[in-house]
Amino acid sequence: MTFLEIAIFNPASALVAYTSGGADRLELCADGSSTNGGTTPTLTTLECVIGSLSSSPHHRGQWRNSIPIYTMVRPRGGDFVYSDEEFEVMKQQLRELKQADYSSRSNYGFGKVSGLVFGILTRDGKVDKPRNEELVRLAAPLPCTFHRAFDQVIQAGNRRGQNGVSEQVRNELENVIDAGFAAILTSGGEETAVDGAEMIAALTTAADGRITIIAGGGVRSKNVHELRKKTGTLVFHSSAVLERGSDLASPEEVRGLKRELLT
């Protein structure tokens, strides 16, 4: 069965994704961080998102009881190599997001974060396994997704024009699996998942069901059906944003993505 995750950056976008009937999961990033790939949301943003979803007519009418919310843990934009101080910030952010619980509020049927999204690299473009393992342990029992930092791993480990997964990238895939991640979000090392479809397919094959490969990066209703056929993965990630400069998901696009995945 196909699965659609929608990236959101504010309560308005969360509500669009939730009420459109297409999203299976939300990935919450900081408000205004869509231009840099998403950073850690504040607890205030998380609370506002949960409150907005819980008070929506769709929720009060039992149209949907809940929807999983994963949150980004990324202290800044830019690269994914972090100083000791930044790593401590990530650990604190993760603890706060994991512990946040708004389910005691009246009408709050969502309440808590369902999973966490992060990724740390070394200076030579490899997976920083010890640090990632530490964050995964802190997040337990919540599942964790290794985000598009893995695209930089692919770029560092695969020669341009090389087909398939190089030995170095395969080793880094194993490191992500060994660290305890449940999924990897990737565009296949290219700007978009369409351009990286061949690599996404190769990663899906190499993963062999041990970890979920999520195709993300420019995924839209106009290309997701073809991406599903080319990549072999069943899980897709999109912001569903159509207007340049906006961070608000389009309800028509969310529905269109789901419709194309079901055909």
C-alpha atoms as a PDB file:
ATOM      1  CA  MET A   1       0.000   0.000   0.000  1.00  0.00           C
ATOM      2  CA  THR A   2       1.333   3.451  -0.907  1.00  0.00           C
ATOM      3  CA  PHE A   3       2.014   6.055   1.762  1.00  0.00           C
ATOM      4  CA  LEU A   4       2.178   9.856   1.499  1.00  0.00           C
ATOM      5  CA  GLU A   5       4.017  12.127   3.916  1.00  0.00           C
ATOM      6  CA  ILE A   6       3.439  15.881   3.621  1.00  0.00           C
ATOM      7  CA  ALA A   7       6.017  18.385   4.894  1.00  0.00           C
ATOM      8  CA  ILE A   8       4.390  21.211   6.843  1.00  0.00           C
ATOM      9  CA  PHE A   9       5.742  24.452   8.278  1.00  0.00           C
ATOM     10  CA  ASN A  10       2.816  26.019  10.126  1.00  0.00           C
ATOM     11  CA  PRO A  11      -0.687  25.250  11.446  1.00  0.00           C
ATOM     12  CA  ALA A  12      -2.363  26.409   8.230  1.00  0.00           C
ATOM     13  CA  SER A  13      -0.383  23.969   6.098  1.00  0.00           C
ATOM     14  CA  ALA A  14      -0.978  21.182   8.623  1.00  0.00           C
ATOM     15  CA  LEU A  15      -4.709  21.774   8.436  1.00  0.00           C
ATOM     16  CA  VAL A  16      -4.666  21.661   4.632  1.00  0.00           C
ATOM     17  CA  ALA A  17      -2.770  18.369   4.620  1.00  0.00           C
ATOM     18  CA  TYR A  18      -5.020  16.877   7.295  1.00  0.00           C
ATOM     19  CA  THR A  19      -8.388  17.913   5.906  1.00  0.00           C
ATOM     20  CA  SER A  20      -7.594  17.222   2.251  1.00  0.00           C
ATOM     21  CA  GLY A  21      -7.844  13.492   2.846  1.00  0.00           C
ATOM     22  CA  GLY A  22      -4.559  12.666   1.132  1.00  0.00           C
ATOM     23  CA  ALA A  23      -1.799  12.793   3.744  1.00  0.00           C
ATOM     24  CA  ASP A  24      -0.948   9.676   5.736  1.00  0.00           C
ATOM     25  CA  ARG A  25       1.621  11.472   7.888  1.00  0.00           C
ATOM     26  CA  LEU A  26       2.904  15.000   8.525  1.00  0.00           C
ATOM     27  CA  GLU A  27       6.529  16.100   8.860  1.00  0.00           C
ATOM     28  CA  LEU A  28       6.668  19.296  10.897  1.00  0.00           C
ATOM     29  CA  CYS A  29       9.514  21.770  10.383  1.00  0.00           C
ATOM     30  CA  ALA A  30      10.071  25.288  11.709  1.00  0.00           C
ATOM     31  CA  ASP A  31       7.807  28.024  10.433  1.00  0.00           C
ATOM     32  CA  GLY A  32       9.515  29.767   7.501  1.00  0.00           C
ATOM     33  CA  SER A  33      12.189  27.092   7.032  1.00  0.00           C
ATOM     34  CA  SER A  34      10.946  25.701   3.719  1.00  0.00           C
ATOM     35  CA  THR A  35      13.690  27.549   1.824  1.00  0.00           C
ATOM     36  CA  ASN A  36      16.530  25.795   3.681  1.00  0.00           C
ATOM     37  CA  GLY A  37      15.149  22.263   3.782  1.00  0.00           C
ATOM     38  CA  GLY A  38      13.483  22.519   7.171  1.00  0.00           C
ATOM     39  CA  THR A  39      14.767  23.020  10.715  1.00  0.00           C
ATOM     40  CA  THR A  40      13.564  22.160  14.212  1.00  0.00           C
ATOM     41  CA  PRO A  41      10.115  23.563  15.011  1.00  0.00           C
ATOM     42  CA  THR A  42       9.495  25.301  18.319  1.00  0.00           C
ATOM     43  CA  LEU A  43       7.264  23.697  20.919  1.00  0.00           C
ATOM     44  CA  THR A  44       4.889  26.607  20.371  1.00  0.00           C
ATOM     45  CA  THR A  45       4.578  25.701  16.687  1.00  0.00           C
ATOM     46  CA  LEU A  46       3.991  22.056  17.597  1.00  0.00           C
ATOM     47  CA  GLU A  47       1.305  22.992  20.109  1.00  0.00           C
ATOM     48  CA  CYS A  48      -0.401  25.315  17.631  1.00  0.00           C
ATOM     49  CA  VAL A  49      -0.390  22.601  14.960  1.00  0.00           C
ATOM     50  CA  ILE A  50      -1.885  20.041  17.334  1.00  0.00           C
ATOM     51  CA  GLY A  51      -4.477  22.533  18.519  1.00  0.00           C
ATOM     52  CA  SER A  52      -5.416  23.470  14.963  1.00  0.00           C
ATOM     53  CA  LEU A  53      -5.849  19.851  13.904  1.00  0.00           C
ATOM     54  CA  SER A  54      -7.732  18.841  17.035  1.00  0.00           C
ATOM     55  CA  SER A  55     -10.214  21.693  16.769  1.00  0.00           C
ATOM     56  CA  SER A  56     -10.903  21.238  13.053  1.00  0.00           C
ATOM     57  CA  PRO A  57     -14.467  20.221  12.075  1.00  0.00           C
ATOM     58  CA  HIS A  58     -13.049  17.079  10.468  1.00  0.00           C
ATOM     59  CA  HIS A  59     -11.610  15.955  13.786  1.00  0.00           C
ATOM     60  CA  ARG A  60     -14.594  16.938  15.926  1.00  0.00           C
ATOM     61  CA  GLY A  61     -16.831  15.086  13.516  1.00  0.00           C
ATOM     62  CA  GLN A  62     -14.676  11.966  13.845  1.00  0.00           C
ATOM     63  CA  TRP A  63     -13.825  12.124  10.133  1.00  0.00           C
ATOM     64  CA  ARG A  64     -10.318  11.179  11.165  1.00  0.00           C
ATOM     65  CA  ASN A  65      -9.262  10.377  14.697  1.00  0.00           C
ATOM     66  CA  SER A  66      -5.630  11.354  14.287  1.00  0.00           C
ATOM     67  CA  ILE A  67      -2.640  11.578  11.964  1.00  0.00           C
ATOM     68  CA  PRO A  68       1.010  10.820  12.815  1.00  0.00           C
ATOM     69  CA  ILE A  69       3.256  13.862  13.203  1.00  0.00           C
ATOM     70  CA  TYR A  70       7.022  13.503  12.768  1.00  0.00           C
ATOM     71  CA  THR A  71       9.203  16.482  13.685  1.00  0.00           C
ATOM     72  CA  MET A  72      12.489  17.643  12.228  1.00  0.00           C
ATOM     73  CA  VAL A  73      15.521  17.892  14.518  1.00  0.00           C
ATOM     74  CA  ARG A  74      17.961  20.176  12.719  1.00  0.00           C
ATOM     75  CA  PRO A  75      19.373  23.199  14.553  1.00  0.00           C
ATOM     76  CA  ARG A  76      20.230  25.210  11.428  1.00  0.00           C
ATOM     77  CA  GLY A  77      20.206  25.156   7.655  1.00  0.00           C
ATOM     78  CA  GLY A  78      23.298  24.438   5.588  1.00  0.00           C
ATOM     79  CA  ASP A  79      25.407  21.317   5.913  1.00  0.00           C
ATOM     80  CA  PHE A  80      24.858  18.373   8.250  1.00  0.00           C
ATOM     81  CA  VAL A  81      28.215  18.473  10.048  1.00  0.00           C
ATOM     82  CA  TYR A  82      27.633  19.715  13.581  1.00  0.00           C
ATOM     83  CA  SER A  83      29.895  21.031  16.315  1.00  0.00           C
ATOM     84  CA  ASP A  84      29.799  19.573  19.822  1.00  0.00           C
ATOM     85  CA  GLU A  85      27.663  22.515  20.925  1.00  0.00           C
ATOM     86  CA  GLU A  86      25.208  21.995  18.059  1.00  0.00           C
ATOM     87  CA  PHE A  87      24.993  18.288  18.853  1.00  0.00           C
ATOM     88  CA  GLU A  88      24.055  19.125  22.437  1.00  0.00           C
ATOM     89  CA  VAL A  89      21.355  21.457  21.092  1.00  0.00           C
ATOM     90  CA  MET A  90      20.005  18.630  18.919  1.00  0.00           C
ATOM     91  CA  LYS A  91      19.828  16.291  21.900  1.00  0.00           C
ATOM     92  CA  GLN A  92      17.963  18.881  23.942  1.00  0.00           C
ATOM     93  CA  GLN A  93      15.567  19.655  21.090  1.00  0.00           C
ATOM     94  CA  LEU A  94      14.885  15.952  20.608  1.00  0.00           C
ATOM     95  CA  ARG A  95      14.190  15.428  24.315  1.00  0.00           C
ATOM     96  CA  GLU A  96      11.785  18.370  24.418  1.00  0.00           C
ATOM     97  CA  LEU A  97       9.885  17.272  21.321  1.00  0.00           C
ATOM     98  CA  LYS A  98       9.672  13.681  22.531  1.00  0.00           C
ATOM     99  CA  GLN A  99       8.407  14.706  25.967  1.00  0.00           C
ATOM    100  CA  ALA A 100       5.914  17.312  24.747  1.00  0.00           C
ATOM    101  CA  ASP A 101       2.401  16.071  25.485  1.00  0.00           C
ATOM    102  CA  TYR A 102      -0.704  18.122  24.823  1.00  0.00           C
ATOM    103  CA  SER A 103      -3.160  15.216  24.993  1.00  0.00           C
ATOM    104  CA  SER A 104      -4.444  16.322  28.401  1.00  0.00           C
ATOM    105  CA  ARG A 105      -5.980  19.454  26.871  1.00  0.00           C
ATOM    106  CA  SER A 106      -9.670  19.289  26.074  1.00  0.00           C
ATOM    107  CA  ASN A 107     -10.350  18.228  22.476  1.00  0.00           C
ATOM    108  CA  TYR A 108      -6.679  17.374  21.892  1.00  0.00           C
ATOM    109  CA  GLY A 109      -6.867  13.949  20.289  1.00  0.00           C
ATOM    110  CA  PHE A 110      -3.387  14.065  18.740  1.00  0.00           C
ATOM    111  CA  GLY A 111      -1.241  15.108  21.645  1.00  0.00           C
ATOM    112  CA  LYS A 112       2.276  13.872  20.967  1.00  0.00           C
ATOM    113  CA  VAL A 113       5.013  13.570  18.364  1.00  0.00           C
ATOM    114  CA  SER A 114       4.958  10.197  16.574  1.00  0.00           C
ATOM    115  CA  GLY A 115       8.515  10.141  15.195  1.00  0.00           C
ATOM    116  CA  LEU A 116      11.653  12.207  14.603  1.00  0.00           C
ATOM    117  CA  VAL A 117      13.662  13.201  11.528  1.00  0.00           C
ATOM    118  CA  PHE A 118      17.386  14.014  11.543  1.00  0.00           C
ATOM    119  CA  GLY A 119      20.782  13.079  10.140  1.00  0.00           C
ATOM    120  CA  ILE A 120      24.393  13.850  11.017  1.00  0.00           C
ATOM    121  CA  LEU A 121      27.399  13.511   8.696  1.00  0.00           C
ATOM    122  CA  THR A 122      31.164  13.557   9.121  1.00  0.00           C
ATOM    123  CA  ARG A 123      33.311  16.093   7.292  1.00  0.00           C
ATOM    124  CA  ASP A 124      34.109  13.567   4.551  1.00  0.00           C
ATOM    125  CA  GLY A 125      30.439  13.041   3.701  1.00  0.00           C
ATOM    126  CA  LYS A 126      29.855   9.825   5.603  1.00  0.00           C
ATOM    127  CA  VAL A 127      27.231   8.906   8.185  1.00  0.00           C
ATOM    128  CA  ASP A 128      28.326   9.895  11.704  1.00  0.00           C
ATOM    129  CA  LYS A 129      27.216   6.580  13.141  1.00  0.00           C
ATOM    130  CA  PRO A 130      28.021   7.164  16.858  1.00  0.00           C
ATOM    131  CA  ARG A 131      26.145  10.462  17.023  1.00  0.00           C
ATOM    132  CA  ASN A 132      23.187   9.187  15.009  1.00  0.00           C
ATOM    133  CA  GLU A 133      22.984   6.087  17.204  1.00  0.00           C
ATOM    134  CA  GLU A 134      22.915   8.279  20.291  1.00  0.00           C
ATOM    135  CA  LEU A 135      19.998  10.309  18.948  1.00  0.00           C
ATOM    136  CA  VAL A 136      18.113   7.173  17.908  1.00  0.00           C
ATOM    137  CA  ARG A 137      18.539   5.811  21.436  1.00  0.00           C
ATOM    138  CA  LEU A 138      17.282   9.081  22.913  1.00  0.00           C
ATOM    139  CA  ALA A 139      14.270   8.993  20.589  1.00  0.00           C
ATOM    140  CA  ALA A 140      13.294   5.402  21.444  1.00  0.00           C
ATOM    141  CA  PRO A 141      10.674   4.031  21.236  1.00  0.00           C
ATOM    142  CA  LEU A 142       9.760   6.620  18.587  1.00  0.00           C
ATOM    143  CA  PRO A 143      10.847   5.718  15.025  1.00  0.00           C
ATOM    144  CA  CYS A 144      13.434   7.889  13.283  1.00  0.00           C
ATOM    145  CA  THR A 145      13.932   8.910   9.659  1.00  0.00           C
ATOM    146  CA  PHE A 146      17.391   9.772   8.295  1.00  0.00           C
ATOM    147  CA  HIS A 147      16.634  12.847   6.208  1.00  0.00           C
ATOM    148  CA  ARG A 148      18.063  14.138   2.934  1.00  0.00           C
ATOM    149  CA  ALA A 149      21.533  14.445   4.411  1.00  0.00           C
ATOM    150  CA  PHE A 150      21.820  11.027   2.780  1.00  0.00           C
ATOM    151  CA  ASP A 151      21.845  12.757  -0.608  1.00  0.00           C
ATOM    152  CA  GLN A 152      25.216  14.245   0.325  1.00  0.00           C
ATOM    153  CA  VAL A 153      26.384  10.735   1.249  1.00  0.00           C
ATOM    154  CA  ILE A 154      25.444   9.590  -2.255  1.00  0.00           C
ATOM    155  CA  GLN A 155      27.186  12.566  -3.857  1.00  0.00           C
ATOM    156  CA  ALA A 156      30.367  11.887  -1.870  1.00  0.00           C
ATOM    157  CA  GLY A 157      30.350   8.143  -2.488  1.00  0.00           C
ATOM    158  CA  ASN A 158      29.194   7.758  -6.091  1.00  0.00           C
ATOM    159  CA  ARG A 159      31.171   8.997  -9.079  1.00  0.00           C
ATOM    160  CA  ARG A 160      29.159  11.188 -11.419  1.00  0.00           C
ATOM    161  CA  GLY A 161      27.515   9.044 -14.061  1.00  0.00           C
ATOM    162  CA  GLN A 162      28.034   5.866 -12.061  1.00  0.00           C
ATOM    163  CA  ASN A 163      25.118   3.450 -12.168  1.00  0.00           C
ATOM    164  CA  GLY A 164      23.853   1.641  -9.099  1.00  0.00           C
ATOM    165  CA  VAL A 165      24.996   1.890  -5.492  1.00  0.00           C
ATOM    166  CA  SER A 166      28.754   2.144  -4.965  1.00  0.00           C
ATOM    167  CA  GLU A 167      30.454   0.138  -2.235  1.00  0.00           C
ATOM    168  CA  GLN A 168      30.900   3.300  -0.166  1.00  0.00           C
ATOM    169  CA  VAL A 169      27.225   4.277  -0.411  1.00  0.00           C
ATOM    170  CA  ARG A 170      26.211   0.693   0.341  1.00  0.00           C
ATOM    171  CA  ASN A 171      28.385   0.781   3.468  1.00  0.00           C
ATOM    172  CA  GLU A 172      26.769   4.043   4.557  1.00  0.00           C
ATOM    173  CA  LEU A 173      23.311   2.568   3.950  1.00  0.00           C
ATOM    174  CA  GLU A 174      24.296  -0.270   6.289  1.00  0.00           C
ATOM    175  CA  ASN A 175      25.468   2.276   8.867  1.00  0.00           C
ATOM    176  CA  VAL A 176      22.071   3.988   8.809  1.00  0.00           C
ATOM    177  CA  ILE A 177      20.342   0.628   9.212  1.00  0.00           C
ATOM    178  CA  ASP A 178      22.703  -0.417  12.019  1.00  0.00           C
ATOM    179  CA  ALA A 179      22.123   2.908  13.793  1.00  0.00           C
ATOM    180  CA  GLY A 180      18.469   1.942  14.159  1.00  0.00           C
ATOM    181  CA  PHE A 181      16.699   4.236  11.708  1.00  0.00           C
ATOM    182  CA  ALA A 182      13.325   3.131  10.347  1.00  0.00           C
ATOM    183  CA  ALA A 183      13.555   5.085   7.079  1.00  0.00           C
ATOM    184  CA  ILE A 184      15.725   7.195   4.765  1.00  0.00           C
ATOM    185  CA  LEU A 185      14.353  10.223   2.920  1.00  0.00           C
ATOM    186  CA  THR A 186      16.242  10.785  -0.334  1.00  0.00           C
ATOM    187  CA  SER A 187      16.103  12.269  -3.806  1.00  0.00           C
ATOM    188  CA  GLY A 188      18.722   9.771  -4.929  1.00  0.00           C
ATOM    189  CA  GLY A 189      21.524  12.294  -4.597  1.00  0.00           C
ATOM    190  CA  GLU A 190      20.053  14.597  -7.227  1.00  0.00           C
ATOM    191  CA  GLU A 191      18.144  17.862  -7.006  1.00  0.00           C
ATOM    192  CA  THR A 192      14.841  16.052  -7.500  1.00  0.00           C
ATOM    193  CA  ALA A 193      13.576  12.515  -7.035  1.00  0.00           C
ATOM    194  CA  VAL A 194      12.752  12.413 -10.740  1.00  0.00           C
ATOM    195  CA  ASP A 195      16.428  12.944 -11.594  1.00  0.00           C
ATOM    196  CA  GLY A 196      17.500  10.491  -8.896  1.00  0.00           C
ATOM    197  CA  ALA A 197      14.895   7.810  -9.610  1.00  0.00           C
ATOM    198  CA  GLU A 198      17.469   5.246 -10.705  1.00  0.00           C
ATOM    199  CA  MET A 199      19.453   5.635  -7.482  1.00  0.00           C
ATOM    200  CA  ILE A 200      16.288   5.499  -5.360  1.00  0.00           C
ATOM    201  CA  ALA A 201      15.417   2.224  -7.089  1.00  0.00           C
ATOM    202  CA  ALA A 202      18.922   0.883  -6.410  1.00  0.00           C
ATOM    203  CA  LEU A 203      18.702   1.885  -2.738  1.00  0.00           C
ATOM    204  CA  THR A 204      15.282   0.255  -2.438  1.00  0.00           C
ATOM    205  CA  THR A 205      16.755  -2.962  -3.801  1.00  0.00           C
ATOM    206  CA  ALA A 206      19.822  -2.763  -1.547  1.00  0.00           C
ATOM    207  CA  ALA A 207      17.675  -2.055   1.511  1.00  0.00           C
ATOM    208  CA  ASP A 208      15.755  -5.273   0.849  1.00  0.00           C
ATOM    209  CA  GLY A 209      12.957  -4.392   3.248  1.00  0.00           C
ATOM    210  CA  ARG A 210      15.280  -3.708   6.198  1.00  0.00           C
ATOM    211  CA  ILE A 211      14.622   0.029   6.067  1.00  0.00           C
ATOM    212  CA  THR A 212      12.015   2.100   4.242  1.00  0.00           C
ATOM    213  CA  ILE A 213      13.271   4.260   1.378  1.00  0.00           C
ATOM    214  CA  ILE A 214      11.173   7.428   1.068  1.00  0.00           C
ATOM    215  CA  ALA A 215      11.326   9.263  -2.259  1.00  0.00           C
ATOM    216  CA  GLY A 216      11.335  13.041  -1.789  1.00  0.00           C
ATOM    217  CA  GLY A 217      12.444  16.159  -3.619  1.00  0.00           C
ATOM    218  CA  GLY A 218      10.172  17.776  -6.183  1.00  0.00           C
ATOM    219  CA  VAL A 219       7.562  15.040  -5.827  1.00  0.00           C
ATOM    220  CA  ARG A 220       4.268  16.249  -7.275  1.00  0.00           C
ATOM    221  CA  SER A 221       1.062  14.760  -8.628  1.00  0.00           C
ATOM    222  CA  LYS A 222       2.356  15.147 -12.192  1.00  0.00           C
ATOM    223  CA  ASN A 223       5.314  12.806 -11.583  1.00  0.00           C
ATOM    224  CA  VAL A 224       4.532  10.593  -8.589  1.00  0.00           C
ATOM    225  CA  HIS A 225       2.842   7.816 -10.585  1.00  0.00           C
ATOM    226  CA  GLU A 226       5.900   7.455 -12.813  1.00  0.00           C
ATOM    227  CA  LEU A 227       8.210   7.687  -9.782  1.00  0.00           C
ATOM    228  CA  ARG A 228       6.394   4.820  -8.144  1.00  0.00           C
ATOM    229  CA  LYS A 229       6.971   2.656 -11.208  1.00  0.00           C
ATOM    230  CA  LYS A 230      10.626   3.647 -11.619  1.00  0.00           C
ATOM    231  CA  THR A 231      11.762   3.504  -7.984  1.00  0.00           C
ATOM    232  CA  GLY A 232       9.888   0.533  -6.570  1.00  0.00           C
ATOM    233  CA  THR A 233       9.287   2.345  -3.297  1.00  0.00           C
ATOM    234  CA  LEU A 234       5.793   2.817  -1.909  1.00  0.00           C
ATOM    235  CA  VAL A 235       6.479   5.811   0.341  1.00  0.00           C
ATOM    236  CA  PHE A 236       6.649   9.385  -0.951  1.00  0.00           C
ATOM    237  CA  HIS A 237       7.334  12.786   0.601  1.00  0.00           C
ATOM    238  CA  SER A 238       6.156  16.157  -0.706  1.00  0.00           C
ATOM    239  CA  SER A 239       5.453  19.674   0.507  1.00  0.00           C
ATOM    240  CA  ALA A 240       2.585  19.845  -2.020  1.00  0.00           C
ATOM    241  CA  VAL A 241       3.431  23.535  -2.447  1.00  0.00           C
ATOM    242  CA  LEU A 242       2.634  24.894  -5.907  1.00  0.00           C
ATOM    243  CA  GLU A 243       3.155  28.652  -5.544  1.00  0.00           C
ATOM    244  CA  ARG A 244       6.722  29.955  -5.678  1.00  0.00           C
ATOM    245  CA  GLY A 245       7.736  31.544  -2.382  1.00  0.00           C
ATOM    246  CA  SER A 246       4.880  29.929  -0.468  1.00  0.00           C
ATOM    247  CA  ASP A 247       5.083  27.328   2.286  1.00  0.00           C
ATOM    248  CA  LEU A 248       1.370  26.479   2.230  1.00  0.00           C
ATOM    249  CA  ALA A 249       0.378  23.096   0.833  1.00  0.00           C
ATOM    250  CA  SER A 250      -2.236  23.032  -1.910  1.00  0.00           C
ATOM    251  CA  PRO A 251      -5.268  20.901  -0.975  1.00  0.00           C
ATOM    252  CA  GLU A 252      -5.786  20.019  -4.638  1.00  0.00           C
ATOM    253  CA  GLU A 253      -2.163  18.911  -4.907  1.00  0.00           C
ATOM    254  CA  VAL A 254      -2.362  16.760  -1.764  1.00  0.00           C
ATOM    255  CA  ARG A 255      -5.468  15.049  -3.120  1.00  0.00           C
ATOM    256  CA  GLY A 256      -3.851  14.746  -6.545  1.00  0.00           C
ATOM    257  CA  LEU A 257      -0.762  13.082  -5.099  1.00  0.00           C
ATOM    258  CA  LYS A 258      -2.848  10.520  -3.271  1.00  0.00           C
ATOM    259  CA  ARG A 259      -5.062   9.915  -6.286  1.00  0.00           C
ATOM    260  CA  GLU A 260      -2.058   9.244  -8.522  1.00  0.00           C
ATOM    261  CA  LEU A 261      -0.554   6.886  -5.954  1.00  0.00           C
ATOM    262  CA  LEU A 262      -3.754   4.870  -5.847  1.00  0.00           C
ATOM    263  CA  THR A 263      -4.059   4.432  -9.610  1.00  0.00           C
END
